[in-house]
Amino acid sequence: MIADLREFWLYLSTHGQSVLLSLPYFLFLAYLGIFLVLRRSTLFAMVLTQAAQLSFILGVGWHFAGHTDAFEFINKHRYDLSEELQHLDLYVFPLTFLFLLPFLYLASKVSKIRESALMLTFLFFTGILPIANRFVGGSEKTLMSLYFSDLLYTSPNLFWHYLPHIFIITLLLILTYPSHFLAALDPIEAQLLGLKPELANIVFYLLVGLGISISVRVLGTYLTMAALLFAPLSALHFATSMRNLVILTLLITFCFLIAGFSLSFLLPAYPTEAVLIVSFALLSAMAHLVARLKQRIS
């Protein structure tokens, strides 16, 4: 018992800061996921994660001019990297905006082929990523780091650097909530109220794209997608209003993280990101079963 407590204390002292600093990112992604799920735009989010990877790989390659372990350099070093990250953002953010343009067009238009176009784009980015990584001199380790980011060993500087960006994007989403929410659910009503649905959709997807791009750099691709989808989908089974949906999603995210990190502590030989994703999936499945049982009983 005492040995277990010592191990748990060692786990907290070693990784506690990374765990706590990751919490705002998970809550932010869960909040984004609510609107993506309601808009039925989860495929759009998946494509954006691939686009974010490509912009990061190209930005890192050009910035470090062939530094083969550029991602590890940023992710692992513990000294202040704010200036280095700011220089890197000068390369990555313009590329992110560039890759967002076709997605903003697709997202703002109602088309029968939109989902097919997004799927083809997803496959294109999936195929081009290893080629781009090799072209700029990146290693296989660099590419894998974008899929699984070694969350517990991520430098706190990386978390701190992008927290203001996440806060600003969240604030803008809250301020524009009435327009982008109404534009998605009832474009005609939005027009009658003097709003411009297409413009509202573009602003929304632009903010979502930037948020996902930042999150992929910090959490990795797969964990970002898991944080976007599992909690909102679980909360939808129980929420009775939009306010309840937001509160439930955030609470479920927090509970999922407690369970996931606890399981990660009990299974130290397994990758933390993989353990978190599997625990999110299992807990989400349990929430679905509970909702089904509740419906049958009532």
C-alpha atoms as a PDB file:
ATOM      1  CA  MET A   1       0.000   0.000   0.000  1.00  0.00           C
ATOM      2  CA  ILE A   2       2.764   2.423   1.000  1.00  0.00           C
ATOM      3  CA  ALA A   3       4.734   1.455  -2.103  1.00  0.00           C
ATOM      4  CA  ASP A   4       1.704   2.155  -4.279  1.00  0.00           C
ATOM      5  CA  LEU A   5       1.254   5.568  -2.678  1.00  0.00           C
ATOM      6  CA  ARG A   6       4.910   6.358  -3.271  1.00  0.00           C
ATOM      7  CA  GLU A   7       4.597   5.356  -6.915  1.00  0.00           C
ATOM      8  CA  PHE A   8       1.495   7.510  -7.296  1.00  0.00           C
ATOM      9  CA  TRP A   9       3.237  10.468  -5.669  1.00  0.00           C
ATOM     10  CA  LEU A  10       6.209   9.981  -7.986  1.00  0.00           C
ATOM     11  CA  TYR A  11       3.813   9.877 -10.945  1.00  0.00           C
ATOM     12  CA  LEU A  12       2.207  13.155  -9.876  1.00  0.00           C
ATOM     13  CA  SER A  13       5.500  14.899  -9.123  1.00  0.00           C
ATOM     14  CA  THR A  14       6.934  13.831 -12.475  1.00  0.00           C
ATOM     15  CA  HIS A  15       3.943  14.287 -14.758  1.00  0.00           C
ATOM     16  CA  GLY A  16       1.464  16.341 -12.731  1.00  0.00           C
ATOM     17  CA  GLN A  17       2.263  19.629 -14.438  1.00  0.00           C
ATOM     18  CA  SER A  18       1.790  18.175 -17.914  1.00  0.00           C
ATOM     19  CA  VAL A  19      -1.497  16.562 -16.847  1.00  0.00           C
ATOM     20  CA  LEU A  20      -2.865  19.811 -15.397  1.00  0.00           C
ATOM     21  CA  LEU A  21      -1.710  21.948 -18.319  1.00  0.00           C
ATOM     22  CA  SER A  22      -3.317  19.565 -20.812  1.00  0.00           C
ATOM     23  CA  LEU A  23      -6.733  20.000 -19.138  1.00  0.00           C
ATOM     24  CA  PRO A  24      -7.602  23.359 -20.833  1.00  0.00           C
ATOM     25  CA  TYR A  25      -6.825  21.837 -24.234  1.00  0.00           C
ATOM     26  CA  PHE A  26      -9.108  18.866 -23.640  1.00  0.00           C
ATOM     27  CA  LEU A  27     -11.936  21.094 -22.399  1.00  0.00           C
ATOM     28  CA  PHE A  28     -11.448  23.450 -25.342  1.00  0.00           C
ATOM     29  CA  LEU A  29     -11.618  20.583 -27.848  1.00  0.00           C
ATOM     30  CA  ALA A  30     -14.704  19.149 -26.161  1.00  0.00           C
ATOM     31  CA  TYR A  31     -16.402  22.547 -26.485  1.00  0.00           C
ATOM     32  CA  LEU A  32     -15.479  22.692 -30.169  1.00  0.00           C
ATOM     33  CA  GLY A  33     -16.713  19.149 -30.614  1.00  0.00           C
ATOM     34  CA  ILE A  34     -20.221  20.079 -29.458  1.00  0.00           C
ATOM     35  CA  PHE A  35     -20.750  22.355 -32.435  1.00  0.00           C
ATOM     36  CA  LEU A  36     -19.012  20.053 -34.897  1.00  0.00           C
ATOM     37  CA  VAL A  37     -21.229  17.154 -33.831  1.00  0.00           C
ATOM     38  CA  LEU A  38     -24.396  19.268 -34.009  1.00  0.00           C
ATOM     39  CA  ARG A  39     -23.370  20.501 -37.462  1.00  0.00           C
ATOM     40  CA  ARG A  40     -22.525  16.932 -38.536  1.00  0.00           C
ATOM     41  CA  SER A  41     -19.063  18.199 -39.469  1.00  0.00           C
ATOM     42  CA  THR A  42     -16.884  15.634 -37.728  1.00  0.00           C
ATOM     43  CA  LEU A  43     -15.374  14.588 -41.066  1.00  0.00           C
ATOM     44  CA  PHE A  44     -14.361  18.212 -41.566  1.00  0.00           C
ATOM     45  CA  ALA A  45     -12.520  18.066 -38.237  1.00  0.00           C
ATOM     46  CA  MET A  46     -10.721  14.861 -39.226  1.00  0.00           C
ATOM     47  CA  VAL A  47      -9.504  16.438 -42.463  1.00  0.00           C
ATOM     48  CA  LEU A  48      -8.343  19.511 -40.571  1.00  0.00           C
ATOM     49  CA  THR A  49      -6.155  17.408 -38.311  1.00  0.00           C
ATOM     50  CA  GLN A  50      -4.338  16.105 -41.395  1.00  0.00           C
ATOM     51  CA  ALA A  51      -4.006  19.609 -42.825  1.00  0.00           C
ATOM     52  CA  ALA A  52      -2.635  20.816 -39.495  1.00  0.00           C
ATOM     53  CA  GLN A  53      -0.027  18.073 -39.582  1.00  0.00           C
ATOM     54  CA  LEU A  54       1.082  19.017 -43.068  1.00  0.00           C
ATOM     55  CA  SER A  55       1.374  22.712 -42.239  1.00  0.00           C
ATOM     56  CA  PHE A  56       3.381  21.878 -39.124  1.00  0.00           C
ATOM     57  CA  ILE A  57       5.744  19.496 -40.938  1.00  0.00           C
ATOM     58  CA  LEU A  58       6.430  22.010 -43.717  1.00  0.00           C
ATOM     59  CA  GLY A  59       6.779  24.887 -41.249  1.00  0.00           C
ATOM     60  CA  VAL A  60       9.177  22.943 -39.044  1.00  0.00           C
ATOM     61  CA  GLY A  61      11.189  21.785 -42.056  1.00  0.00           C
ATOM     62  CA  TRP A  62      11.617  25.269 -43.474  1.00  0.00           C
ATOM     63  CA  HIS A  63      12.219  26.871 -40.102  1.00  0.00           C
ATOM     64  CA  PHE A  64      14.854  24.424 -38.935  1.00  0.00           C
ATOM     65  CA  ALA A  65      16.261  23.906 -42.450  1.00  0.00           C
ATOM     66  CA  GLY A  66      16.572  20.143 -42.258  1.00  0.00           C
ATOM     67  CA  HIS A  67      16.643  19.644 -38.490  1.00  0.00           C
ATOM     68  CA  THR A  68      15.531  15.986 -38.475  1.00  0.00           C
ATOM     69  CA  ASP A  69      14.274  15.974 -34.887  1.00  0.00           C
ATOM     70  CA  ALA A  70      12.655  19.402 -34.879  1.00  0.00           C
ATOM     71  CA  PHE A  71       9.435  18.256 -33.220  1.00  0.00           C
ATOM     72  CA  GLU A  72      11.339  16.448 -30.478  1.00  0.00           C
ATOM     73  CA  PHE A  73      13.513  19.532 -30.028  1.00  0.00           C
ATOM     74  CA  ILE A  74      10.466  21.649 -29.292  1.00  0.00           C
ATOM     75  CA  ASN A  75       8.521  18.993 -27.438  1.00  0.00           C
ATOM     76  CA  LYS A  76      11.184  17.767 -25.039  1.00  0.00           C
ATOM     77  CA  HIS A  77      13.435  20.714 -24.182  1.00  0.00           C
ATOM     78  CA  ARG A  78      12.600  22.201 -20.838  1.00  0.00           C
ATOM     79  CA  TYR A  79      14.128  25.646 -21.169  1.00  0.00           C
ATOM     80  CA  ASP A  80      12.132  28.669 -22.377  1.00  0.00           C
ATOM     81  CA  LEU A  81      11.189  28.076 -26.010  1.00  0.00           C
ATOM     82  CA  SER A  82       8.715  30.941 -26.407  1.00  0.00           C
ATOM     83  CA  GLU A  83      10.927  32.883 -28.825  1.00  0.00           C
ATOM     84  CA  GLU A  84      11.668  29.751 -30.855  1.00  0.00           C
ATOM     85  CA  LEU A  85       7.970  28.850 -30.997  1.00  0.00           C
ATOM     86  CA  GLN A  86       7.037  32.376 -32.037  1.00  0.00           C
ATOM     87  CA  HIS A  87       9.483  32.158 -34.941  1.00  0.00           C
ATOM     88  CA  LEU A  88       8.063  28.762 -35.873  1.00  0.00           C
ATOM     89  CA  ASP A  89       4.514  30.161 -35.801  1.00  0.00           C
ATOM     90  CA  LEU A  90       5.532  32.664 -38.482  1.00  0.00           C
ATOM     91  CA  TYR A  91       5.942  29.696 -40.799  1.00  0.00           C
ATOM     92  CA  VAL A  92       3.183  27.394 -39.569  1.00  0.00           C
ATOM     93  CA  PHE A  93       0.234  29.792 -39.163  1.00  0.00           C
ATOM     94  CA  PRO A  94       0.370  31.189 -42.735  1.00  0.00           C
ATOM     95  CA  LEU A  95       0.490  27.618 -44.056  1.00  0.00           C
ATOM     96  CA  THR A  96      -2.464  26.729 -41.846  1.00  0.00           C
ATOM     97  CA  PHE A  97      -4.476  29.634 -43.265  1.00  0.00           C
ATOM     98  CA  LEU A  98      -3.524  28.565 -46.783  1.00  0.00           C
ATOM     99  CA  PHE A  99      -4.672  24.979 -46.246  1.00  0.00           C
ATOM    100  CA  LEU A 100      -7.862  26.199 -44.579  1.00  0.00           C
ATOM    101  CA  LEU A 101      -9.078  28.093 -47.642  1.00  0.00           C
ATOM    102  CA  PRO A 102     -10.507  25.124 -49.595  1.00  0.00           C
ATOM    103  CA  PHE A 103     -12.079  23.738 -46.415  1.00  0.00           C
ATOM    104  CA  LEU A 104     -13.723  27.058 -45.640  1.00  0.00           C
ATOM    105  CA  TYR A 105     -15.231  27.042 -49.122  1.00  0.00           C
ATOM    106  CA  LEU A 106     -16.487  23.463 -48.801  1.00  0.00           C
ATOM    107  CA  ALA A 107     -17.839  24.038 -45.303  1.00  0.00           C
ATOM    108  CA  SER A 108     -19.737  27.196 -46.260  1.00  0.00           C
ATOM    109  CA  LYS A 109     -21.503  25.535 -49.206  1.00  0.00           C
ATOM    110  CA  VAL A 110     -24.291  23.003 -49.076  1.00  0.00           C
ATOM    111  CA  SER A 111     -23.387  20.425 -51.676  1.00  0.00           C
ATOM    112  CA  LYS A 112     -24.235  16.796 -52.381  1.00  0.00           C
ATOM    113  CA  ILE A 113     -20.566  16.016 -52.953  1.00  0.00           C
ATOM    114  CA  ARG A 114     -19.205  17.854 -49.929  1.00  0.00           C
ATOM    115  CA  GLU A 115     -18.629  14.735 -47.835  1.00  0.00           C
ATOM    116  CA  SER A 116     -17.041  12.937 -50.776  1.00  0.00           C
ATOM    117  CA  ALA A 117     -14.774  15.909 -51.453  1.00  0.00           C
ATOM    118  CA  LEU A 118     -13.734  16.023 -47.796  1.00  0.00           C
ATOM    119  CA  MET A 119     -13.013  12.302 -47.779  1.00  0.00           C
ATOM    120  CA  LEU A 120     -10.876  12.568 -50.914  1.00  0.00           C
ATOM    121  CA  THR A 121      -9.026  15.479 -49.338  1.00  0.00           C
ATOM    122  CA  PHE A 122      -8.469  13.442 -46.191  1.00  0.00           C
ATOM    123  CA  LEU A 123      -6.943  10.627 -48.243  1.00  0.00           C
ATOM    124  CA  PHE A 124      -4.767  13.098 -50.133  1.00  0.00           C
ATOM    125  CA  PHE A 125      -3.351  14.623 -46.954  1.00  0.00           C
ATOM    126  CA  THR A 126      -2.830  11.168 -45.453  1.00  0.00           C
ATOM    127  CA  GLY A 127      -0.777  10.187 -48.481  1.00  0.00           C
ATOM    128  CA  ILE A 128       1.163  13.423 -48.827  1.00  0.00           C
ATOM    129  CA  LEU A 129       2.268  13.631 -45.170  1.00  0.00           C
ATOM    130  CA  PRO A 130       5.105  11.035 -45.346  1.00  0.00           C
ATOM    131  CA  ILE A 131       6.268  12.501 -48.666  1.00  0.00           C
ATOM    132  CA  ALA A 132       6.355  16.049 -47.276  1.00  0.00           C
ATOM    133  CA  ASN A 133       8.091  14.847 -44.116  1.00  0.00           C
ATOM    134  CA  ARG A 134      10.830  13.145 -46.134  1.00  0.00           C
ATOM    135  CA  PHE A 135      11.072  16.135 -48.505  1.00  0.00           C
ATOM    136  CA  VAL A 136      11.904  18.576 -45.697  1.00  0.00           C
ATOM    137  CA  GLY A 137      14.356  16.132 -44.099  1.00  0.00           C
ATOM    138  CA  GLY A 138      12.172  14.881 -41.268  1.00  0.00           C
ATOM    139  CA  SER A 139      12.596  11.456 -39.694  1.00  0.00           C
ATOM    140  CA  GLU A 140      10.005   8.733 -39.136  1.00  0.00           C
ATOM    141  CA  LYS A 141      10.189   9.561 -35.438  1.00  0.00           C
ATOM    142  CA  THR A 142       9.184  13.147 -36.225  1.00  0.00           C
ATOM    143  CA  LEU A 143       6.170  11.965 -38.214  1.00  0.00           C
ATOM    144  CA  MET A 144       5.043   9.539 -35.515  1.00  0.00           C
ATOM    145  CA  SER A 145       5.325  12.282 -32.906  1.00  0.00           C
ATOM    146  CA  LEU A 146       2.508  14.116 -34.647  1.00  0.00           C
ATOM    147  CA  TYR A 147       0.200  11.128 -34.249  1.00  0.00           C
ATOM    148  CA  PHE A 148       1.167  10.400 -30.626  1.00  0.00           C
ATOM    149  CA  SER A 149       2.807  13.313 -28.821  1.00  0.00           C
ATOM    150  CA  ASP A 150       4.193  11.669 -25.623  1.00  0.00           C
ATOM    151  CA  LEU A 151       1.812  13.808 -23.599  1.00  0.00           C
ATOM    152  CA  LEU A 152       3.339  13.131 -20.181  1.00  0.00           C
ATOM    153  CA  TYR A 153       6.778  14.168 -21.418  1.00  0.00           C
ATOM    154  CA  THR A 154       5.677  17.272 -23.303  1.00  0.00           C
ATOM    155  CA  SER A 155       7.493  20.392 -22.171  1.00  0.00           C
ATOM    156  CA  PRO A 156       5.311  22.682 -20.003  1.00  0.00           C
ATOM    157  CA  ASN A 157       6.619  25.558 -22.125  1.00  0.00           C
ATOM    158  CA  LEU A 158       4.714  24.196 -25.107  1.00  0.00           C
ATOM    159  CA  PHE A 159       1.473  24.095 -23.104  1.00  0.00           C
ATOM    160  CA  TRP A 160       1.979  27.597 -21.723  1.00  0.00           C
ATOM    161  CA  HIS A 161       2.886  29.068 -25.105  1.00  0.00           C
ATOM    162  CA  TYR A 162      -0.408  28.156 -26.777  1.00  0.00           C
ATOM    163  CA  LEU A 163      -2.750  28.689 -23.821  1.00  0.00           C
ATOM    164  CA  PRO A 164      -3.382  32.379 -24.718  1.00  0.00           C
ATOM    165  CA  HIS A 165      -4.226  31.314 -28.280  1.00  0.00           C
ATOM    166  CA  ILE A 166      -6.738  28.770 -26.964  1.00  0.00           C
ATOM    167  CA  PHE A 167      -8.259  31.349 -24.613  1.00  0.00           C
ATOM    168  CA  ILE A 168      -8.688  33.920 -27.415  1.00  0.00           C
ATOM    169  CA  ILE A 169     -10.270  31.382 -29.783  1.00  0.00           C
ATOM    170  CA  THR A 170     -12.670  30.231 -27.037  1.00  0.00           C
ATOM    171  CA  LEU A 171     -13.629  33.832 -26.265  1.00  0.00           C
ATOM    172  CA  LEU A 172     -14.297  34.569 -29.944  1.00  0.00           C
ATOM    173  CA  LEU A 173     -16.423  31.423 -30.250  1.00  0.00           C
ATOM    174  CA  ILE A 174     -18.492  32.457 -27.237  1.00  0.00           C
ATOM    175  CA  LEU A 175     -18.935  36.008 -28.573  1.00  0.00           C
ATOM    176  CA  THR A 176     -19.995  34.779 -32.018  1.00  0.00           C
ATOM    177  CA  TYR A 177     -22.084  31.910 -30.662  1.00  0.00           C
ATOM    178  CA  PRO A 178     -25.549  33.315 -31.551  1.00  0.00           C
ATOM    179  CA  SER A 179     -24.631  33.986 -35.169  1.00  0.00           C
ATOM    180  CA  HIS A 180     -22.722  30.820 -36.010  1.00  0.00           C
ATOM    181  CA  PHE A 181     -25.147  28.576 -34.089  1.00  0.00           C
ATOM    182  CA  LEU A 182     -28.242  30.004 -35.746  1.00  0.00           C
ATOM    183  CA  ALA A 183     -26.536  30.009 -39.153  1.00  0.00           C
ATOM    184  CA  ALA A 184     -25.924  26.274 -38.800  1.00  0.00           C
ATOM    185  CA  LEU A 185     -29.374  25.263 -37.523  1.00  0.00           C
ATOM    186  CA  ASP A 186     -31.647  27.693 -39.375  1.00  0.00           C
ATOM    187  CA  PRO A 187     -29.977  29.767 -42.134  1.00  0.00           C
ATOM    188  CA  ILE A 188     -33.301  31.270 -43.247  1.00  0.00           C
ATOM    189  CA  GLU A 189     -34.087  32.558 -39.759  1.00  0.00           C
ATOM    190  CA  ALA A 190     -30.540  33.913 -39.547  1.00  0.00           C
ATOM    191  CA  GLN A 191     -31.053  35.855 -42.779  1.00  0.00           C
ATOM    192  CA  LEU A 192     -34.376  37.250 -41.536  1.00  0.00           C
ATOM    193  CA  LEU A 193     -32.566  38.525 -38.446  1.00  0.00           C
ATOM    194  CA  GLY A 194     -30.024  40.328 -40.626  1.00  0.00           C
ATOM    195  CA  LEU A 195     -27.206  37.820 -40.196  1.00  0.00           C
ATOM    196  CA  LYS A 196     -25.054  36.431 -42.986  1.00  0.00           C
ATOM    197  CA  PRO A 197     -24.975  32.625 -42.621  1.00  0.00           C
ATOM    198  CA  GLU A 198     -22.094  32.060 -45.043  1.00  0.00           C
ATOM    199  CA  LEU A 199     -19.920  34.644 -43.292  1.00  0.00           C
ATOM    200  CA  ALA A 200     -20.823  33.206 -39.878  1.00  0.00           C
ATOM    201  CA  ASN A 201     -19.903  29.716 -41.072  1.00  0.00           C
ATOM    202  CA  ILE A 202     -16.570  30.905 -42.461  1.00  0.00           C
ATOM    203  CA  VAL A 203     -15.670  32.633 -39.181  1.00  0.00           C
ATOM    204  CA  PHE A 204     -16.674  29.538 -37.208  1.00  0.00           C
ATOM    205  CA  TYR A 205     -14.677  27.089 -39.309  1.00  0.00           C
ATOM    206  CA  LEU A 206     -11.702  29.434 -39.367  1.00  0.00           C
ATOM    207  CA  LEU A 207     -11.628  29.518 -35.561  1.00  0.00           C
ATOM    208  CA  VAL A 208     -12.147  25.747 -35.404  1.00  0.00           C
ATOM    209  CA  GLY A 209      -9.328  25.181 -37.888  1.00  0.00           C
ATOM    210  CA  LEU A 210      -6.895  27.296 -35.901  1.00  0.00           C
ATOM    211  CA  GLY A 211      -7.894  25.597 -32.656  1.00  0.00           C
ATOM    212  CA  ILE A 212      -7.420  22.125 -34.098  1.00  0.00           C
ATOM    213  CA  SER A 213      -4.092  23.130 -35.655  1.00  0.00           C
ATOM    214  CA  ILE A 214      -2.770  24.251 -32.276  1.00  0.00           C
ATOM    215  CA  SER A 215      -4.165  21.210 -30.452  1.00  0.00           C
ATOM    216  CA  VAL A 216      -2.550  18.776 -32.884  1.00  0.00           C
ATOM    217  CA  ARG A 217       0.836  20.297 -32.119  1.00  0.00           C
ATOM    218  CA  VAL A 218       0.351  19.853 -28.381  1.00  0.00           C
ATOM    219  CA  LEU A 219      -1.737  16.675 -28.019  1.00  0.00           C
ATOM    220  CA  GLY A 220      -1.113  14.867 -31.295  1.00  0.00           C
ATOM    221  CA  THR A 221      -3.616  13.935 -33.998  1.00  0.00           C
ATOM    222  CA  TYR A 222      -5.409  10.944 -32.511  1.00  0.00           C
ATOM    223  CA  LEU A 223      -5.832  12.403 -29.041  1.00  0.00           C
ATOM    224  CA  THR A 224      -7.161  15.628 -30.573  1.00  0.00           C
ATOM    225  CA  MET A 225      -9.807  13.703 -32.519  1.00  0.00           C
ATOM    226  CA  ALA A 226     -10.742  11.681 -29.429  1.00  0.00           C
ATOM    227  CA  ALA A 227     -11.135  14.839 -27.335  1.00  0.00           C
ATOM    228  CA  LEU A 228     -13.322  16.389 -30.052  1.00  0.00           C
ATOM    229  CA  LEU A 229     -15.788  13.531 -30.377  1.00  0.00           C
ATOM    230  CA  PHE A 230     -16.210  11.161 -27.442  1.00  0.00           C
ATOM    231  CA  ALA A 231     -17.398  13.531 -24.706  1.00  0.00           C
ATOM    232  CA  PRO A 232     -19.881  15.541 -26.844  1.00  0.00           C
ATOM    233  CA  LEU A 233     -21.366  12.345 -28.295  1.00  0.00           C
ATOM    234  CA  SER A 234     -21.749  10.931 -24.780  1.00  0.00           C
ATOM    235  CA  ALA A 235     -23.340  14.115 -23.440  1.00  0.00           C
ATOM    236  CA  LEU A 236     -25.904  14.202 -26.269  1.00  0.00           C
ATOM    237  CA  HIS A 237     -27.577  11.119 -24.773  1.00  0.00           C
ATOM    238  CA  PHE A 238     -28.466  12.961 -21.561  1.00  0.00           C
ATOM    239  CA  ALA A 239     -28.627  16.707 -22.308  1.00  0.00           C
ATOM    240  CA  THR A 240     -32.028  18.388 -22.472  1.00  0.00           C
ATOM    241  CA  SER A 241     -30.860  21.859 -23.512  1.00  0.00           C
ATOM    242  CA  MET A 242     -27.875  23.566 -25.073  1.00  0.00           C
ATOM    243  CA  ARG A 243     -26.672  24.803 -21.700  1.00  0.00           C
ATOM    244  CA  ASN A 244     -26.939  21.317 -20.235  1.00  0.00           C
ATOM    245  CA  LEU A 245     -25.088  19.928 -23.235  1.00  0.00           C
ATOM    246  CA  VAL A 246     -22.129  22.267 -22.701  1.00  0.00           C
ATOM    247  CA  ILE A 247     -21.976  21.622 -18.951  1.00  0.00           C
ATOM    248  CA  LEU A 248     -22.352  17.858 -19.340  1.00  0.00           C
ATOM    249  CA  THR A 249     -19.709  17.730 -22.066  1.00  0.00           C
ATOM    250  CA  LEU A 250     -17.170  19.529 -19.909  1.00  0.00           C
ATOM    251  CA  LEU A 251     -17.972  17.383 -16.862  1.00  0.00           C
ATOM    252  CA  ILE A 252     -17.773  14.177 -18.889  1.00  0.00           C
ATOM    253  CA  THR A 253     -14.442  15.289 -20.364  1.00  0.00           C
ATOM    254  CA  PHE A 254     -13.092  15.860 -16.878  1.00  0.00           C
ATOM    255  CA  CYS A 255     -14.315  12.440 -15.710  1.00  0.00           C
ATOM    256  CA  PHE A 256     -12.892  10.756 -18.811  1.00  0.00           C
ATOM    257  CA  LEU A 257      -9.506  12.353 -18.113  1.00  0.00           C
ATOM    258  CA  ILE A 258      -9.481  11.250 -14.473  1.00  0.00           C
ATOM    259  CA  ALA A 259     -10.288   7.686 -15.539  1.00  0.00           C
ATOM    260  CA  GLY A 260      -7.809   7.769 -18.427  1.00  0.00           C
ATOM    261  CA  PHE A 261      -4.867   9.110 -16.476  1.00  0.00           C
ATOM    262  CA  SER A 262      -5.625   6.747 -13.597  1.00  0.00           C
ATOM    263  CA  LEU A 263      -5.567   3.828 -16.018  1.00  0.00           C
ATOM    264  CA  SER A 264      -2.341   5.172 -17.491  1.00  0.00           C
ATOM    265  CA  PHE A 265      -0.795   5.138 -14.014  1.00  0.00           C
ATOM    266  CA  LEU A 266      -1.876   1.526 -13.536  1.00  0.00           C
ATOM    267  CA  LEU A 267      -0.504   0.558 -16.969  1.00  0.00           C
ATOM    268  CA  PRO A 268       2.863   2.356 -17.123  1.00  0.00           C
ATOM    269  CA  ALA A 269       4.193   0.041 -19.841  1.00  0.00           C
ATOM    270  CA  TYR A 270       1.587   1.262 -22.355  1.00  0.00           C
ATOM    271  CA  PRO A 271       1.538   4.613 -24.230  1.00  0.00           C
ATOM    272  CA  THR A 272      -0.474   7.232 -22.352  1.00  0.00           C
ATOM    273  CA  GLU A 273      -2.180   8.593 -25.458  1.00  0.00           C
ATOM    274  CA  ALA A 274      -3.357   5.128 -26.534  1.00  0.00           C
ATOM    275  CA  VAL A 275      -4.635   4.380 -23.014  1.00  0.00           C
ATOM    276  CA  LEU A 276      -6.533   7.686 -22.937  1.00  0.00           C
ATOM    277  CA  ILE A 277      -8.148   7.070 -26.326  1.00  0.00           C
ATOM    278  CA  VAL A 278      -9.218   3.513 -25.441  1.00  0.00           C
ATOM    279  CA  SER A 279     -10.578   4.627 -22.068  1.00  0.00           C
ATOM    280  CA  PHE A 280     -12.498   7.483 -23.751  1.00  0.00           C
ATOM    281  CA  ALA A 281     -13.988   5.007 -26.231  1.00  0.00           C
ATOM    282  CA  LEU A 282     -14.988   2.467 -23.577  1.00  0.00           C
ATOM    283  CA  LEU A 283     -16.533   5.095 -21.303  1.00  0.00           C
ATOM    284  CA  SER A 284     -18.396   6.604 -24.239  1.00  0.00           C
ATOM    285  CA  ALA A 285     -19.756   3.156 -25.126  1.00  0.00           C
ATOM    286  CA  MET A 286     -20.862   2.719 -21.502  1.00  0.00           C
ATOM    287  CA  ALA A 287     -22.650   6.077 -21.627  1.00  0.00           C
ATOM    288  CA  HIS A 288     -24.440   4.943 -24.780  1.00  0.00           C
ATOM    289  CA  LEU A 289     -25.544   1.707 -23.105  1.00  0.00           C
ATOM    290  CA  VAL A 290     -26.782   3.556 -20.019  1.00  0.00           C
ATOM    291  CA  ALA A 291     -28.804   5.895 -22.235  1.00  0.00           C
ATOM    292  CA  ARG A 292     -30.333   2.944 -24.098  1.00  0.00           C
ATOM    293  CA  LEU A 293     -31.263   1.223 -20.833  1.00  0.00           C
ATOM    294  CA  LYS A 294     -32.754   4.439 -19.526  1.00  0.00           C
ATOM    295  CA  GLN A 295     -34.926   4.723 -22.648  1.00  0.00           C
ATOM    296  CA  ARG A 296     -36.164   1.144 -22.304  1.00  0.00           C
ATOM    297  CA  ILE A 297     -37.002   1.571 -18.626  1.00  0.00           C
ATOM    298  CA  SER A 298     -38.909   4.796 -19.255  1.00  0.00           C
END
